[in-house]
Amino acid sequence: MTWTVNFSNKAAKQVKTLPARIAERLDALRIKIEAIGPVQVALPHFGKLKNWPGETYHCHLSKGRPTYVAVWQVENNDVQVVEVIYVGTHEKAPY
């Protein structure tokens, strides 16, 4: 069974401002989450965010400066829905 990946309104707006290569990496992340699920241990700097409600994860989409990150959380484990809540630079990440 595949996972459904949704983007919050904020994240959908942030995607439009990303450089093309970062947007491509985010799309690859979306495809991986749909196929495998929200836990993506092979991604660079992947981790579960502590002190966040539920299952919230992040990973780096690029190296160097600026470093781009994605943050997503499991909305419903039974129905297998994940929502991307932030995509942007590491400096402005909500953690």
C-alpha atoms as a PDB file:
ATOM      1  CA  MET A   1       0.000   0.000   0.000  1.00  0.00           C
ATOM      2  CA  THR A   2       1.342   3.412  -0.926  1.00  0.00           C
ATOM      3  CA  TRP A   3       1.443   6.542   1.186  1.00  0.00           C
ATOM      4  CA  THR A   4      -0.277   9.802   0.239  1.00  0.00           C
ATOM      5  CA  VAL A   5       1.881  12.929   0.459  1.00  0.00           C
ATOM      6  CA  ASN A   6       0.139  16.287   0.864  1.00  0.00           C
ATOM      7  CA  PHE A   7       1.672  19.740   1.134  1.00  0.00           C
ATOM      8  CA  SER A   8       0.425  22.285   3.652  1.00  0.00           C
ATOM      9  CA  ASN A   9      -0.585  25.657   2.198  1.00  0.00           C
ATOM     10  CA  LYS A  10       2.638  27.188   3.513  1.00  0.00           C
ATOM     11  CA  ALA A  11       4.816  24.422   2.057  1.00  0.00           C
ATOM     12  CA  ALA A  12       3.040  24.610  -1.324  1.00  0.00           C
ATOM     13  CA  LYS A  13       3.901  28.317  -1.511  1.00  0.00           C
ATOM     14  CA  GLN A  14       7.503  27.622  -0.473  1.00  0.00           C
ATOM     15  CA  VAL A  15       7.911  25.030  -3.240  1.00  0.00           C
ATOM     16  CA  LYS A  16       7.229  27.702  -5.863  1.00  0.00           C
ATOM     17  CA  THR A  17      10.240  29.730  -4.671  1.00  0.00           C
ATOM     18  CA  LEU A  18      12.754  26.856  -4.616  1.00  0.00           C
ATOM     19  CA  PRO A  19      15.627  26.614  -7.113  1.00  0.00           C
ATOM     20  CA  ALA A  20      14.960  24.008  -9.807  1.00  0.00           C
ATOM     21  CA  ARG A  21      17.524  21.480  -8.522  1.00  0.00           C
ATOM     22  CA  ILE A  22      16.074  21.634  -4.993  1.00  0.00           C
ATOM     23  CA  ALA A  23      12.531  21.251  -6.334  1.00  0.00           C
ATOM     24  CA  GLU A  24      13.681  18.121  -8.197  1.00  0.00           C
ATOM     25  CA  ARG A  25      15.151  16.672  -4.997  1.00  0.00           C
ATOM     26  CA  LEU A  26      11.930  17.440  -3.134  1.00  0.00           C
ATOM     27  CA  ASP A  27       9.967  15.629  -5.836  1.00  0.00           C
ATOM     28  CA  ALA A  28      12.302  12.635  -5.472  1.00  0.00           C
ATOM     29  CA  LEU A  29      11.691  12.720  -1.695  1.00  0.00           C
ATOM     30  CA  ARG A  30       7.931  12.794  -2.303  1.00  0.00           C
ATOM     31  CA  ILE A  31       8.192   9.727  -4.551  1.00  0.00           C
ATOM     32  CA  LYS A  32      10.292   7.869  -1.947  1.00  0.00           C
ATOM     33  CA  ILE A  33       7.829   8.658   0.838  1.00  0.00           C
ATOM     34  CA  GLU A  34       4.914   7.494  -1.323  1.00  0.00           C
ATOM     35  CA  ALA A  35       6.681   4.211  -2.074  1.00  0.00           C
ATOM     36  CA  ILE A  36       8.387   3.379   1.228  1.00  0.00           C
ATOM     37  CA  GLY A  37       6.844   5.583   3.909  1.00  0.00           C
ATOM     38  CA  PRO A  38       7.880   8.528   6.069  1.00  0.00           C
ATOM     39  CA  VAL A  39      11.026   6.962   7.586  1.00  0.00           C
ATOM     40  CA  GLN A  40      13.839   7.624   5.102  1.00  0.00           C
ATOM     41  CA  VAL A  41      17.045   6.660   6.919  1.00  0.00           C
ATOM     42  CA  ALA A  42      19.159   6.727   3.731  1.00  0.00           C
ATOM     43  CA  LEU A  43      18.657  10.477   3.259  1.00  0.00           C
ATOM     44  CA  PRO A  44      21.312  12.965   4.389  1.00  0.00           C
ATOM     45  CA  HIS A  45      20.805  14.252   7.935  1.00  0.00           C
ATOM     46  CA  PHE A  46      17.492  12.430   8.254  1.00  0.00           C
ATOM     47  CA  GLY A  47      16.057  12.497  11.726  1.00  0.00           C
ATOM     48  CA  LYS A  48      12.959  12.487  13.849  1.00  0.00           C
ATOM     49  CA  LEU A  49      12.291  15.874  15.405  1.00  0.00           C
ATOM     50  CA  LYS A  50      12.040  15.713  19.162  1.00  0.00           C
ATOM     51  CA  ASN A  51       9.586  17.887  21.091  1.00  0.00           C
ATOM     52  CA  TRP A  52       7.222  17.871  18.114  1.00  0.00           C
ATOM     53  CA  PRO A  53       3.777  16.286  18.215  1.00  0.00           C
ATOM     54  CA  GLY A  54       3.446  12.848  16.670  1.00  0.00           C
ATOM     55  CA  GLU A  55       5.867  11.566  14.079  1.00  0.00           C
ATOM     56  CA  THR A  56       7.703  14.537  12.563  1.00  0.00           C
ATOM     57  CA  TYR A  57      10.828  14.078  10.433  1.00  0.00           C
ATOM     58  CA  HIS A  58      13.284  16.191   8.476  1.00  0.00           C
ATOM     59  CA  CYS A  59      16.176  15.809   6.050  1.00  0.00           C
ATOM     60  CA  HIS A  60      18.566  18.001   4.105  1.00  0.00           C
ATOM     61  CA  LEU A  61      17.866  18.464   0.412  1.00  0.00           C
ATOM     62  CA  SER A  62      21.242  20.103  -0.289  1.00  0.00           C
ATOM     63  CA  LYS A  63      24.683  20.666   1.182  1.00  0.00           C
ATOM     64  CA  GLY A  64      26.559  23.927   1.556  1.00  0.00           C
ATOM     65  CA  ARG A  65      25.059  27.366   1.906  1.00  0.00           C
ATOM     66  CA  PRO A  66      22.226  27.795   1.870  1.00  0.00           C
ATOM     67  CA  THR A  67      21.229  24.339   3.047  1.00  0.00           C
ATOM     68  CA  TYR A  68      17.671  23.425   2.087  1.00  0.00           C
ATOM     69  CA  VAL A  69      15.589  21.145   4.309  1.00  0.00           C
ATOM     70  CA  ALA A  70      12.197  19.470   4.220  1.00  0.00           C
ATOM     71  CA  VAL A  71      10.018  18.774   7.260  1.00  0.00           C
ATOM     72  CA  TRP A  72       7.105  16.329   7.141  1.00  0.00           C
ATOM     73  CA  GLN A  73       4.804  14.647   9.622  1.00  0.00           C
ATOM     74  CA  VAL A  74       2.545  11.630   9.637  1.00  0.00           C
ATOM     75  CA  GLU A  75      -1.045  12.847   9.630  1.00  0.00           C
ATOM     76  CA  ASN A  76      -2.736   9.455   9.767  1.00  0.00           C
ATOM     77  CA  ASN A  77      -0.863   6.183  10.174  1.00  0.00           C
ATOM     78  CA  ASP A  78      -3.917   4.020   9.451  1.00  0.00           C
ATOM     79  CA  VAL A  79      -4.711   5.668   6.127  1.00  0.00           C
ATOM     80  CA  GLN A  80      -1.002   6.346   5.464  1.00  0.00           C
ATOM     81  CA  VAL A  81      -1.063  10.116   4.939  1.00  0.00           C
ATOM     82  CA  VAL A  82       2.019  12.342   5.278  1.00  0.00           C
ATOM     83  CA  GLU A  83       2.003  16.155   5.126  1.00  0.00           C
ATOM     84  CA  VAL A  84       5.044  18.226   4.162  1.00  0.00           C
ATOM     85  CA  ILE A  85       4.908  21.233   6.486  1.00  0.00           C
ATOM     86  CA  TYR A  86       8.117  23.124   5.582  1.00  0.00           C
ATOM     87  CA  VAL A  87      10.495  23.356   2.647  1.00  0.00           C
ATOM     88  CA  GLY A  88      13.195  25.993   2.633  1.00  0.00           C
ATOM     89  CA  THR A  89      16.517  27.057   4.042  1.00  0.00           C
ATOM     90  CA  HIS A  90      17.896  25.546   7.203  1.00  0.00           C
ATOM     91  CA  GLU A  91      18.202  28.989   8.791  1.00  0.00           C
ATOM     92  CA  LYS A  92      14.425  29.552   8.688  1.00  0.00           C
ATOM     93  CA  ALA A  93      13.391  25.982   9.564  1.00  0.00           C
ATOM     94  CA  PRO A  94      10.790  25.783  12.329  1.00  0.00           C
ATOM     95  CA  TYR A  95      12.908  23.622  14.637  1.00  0.00           C
END
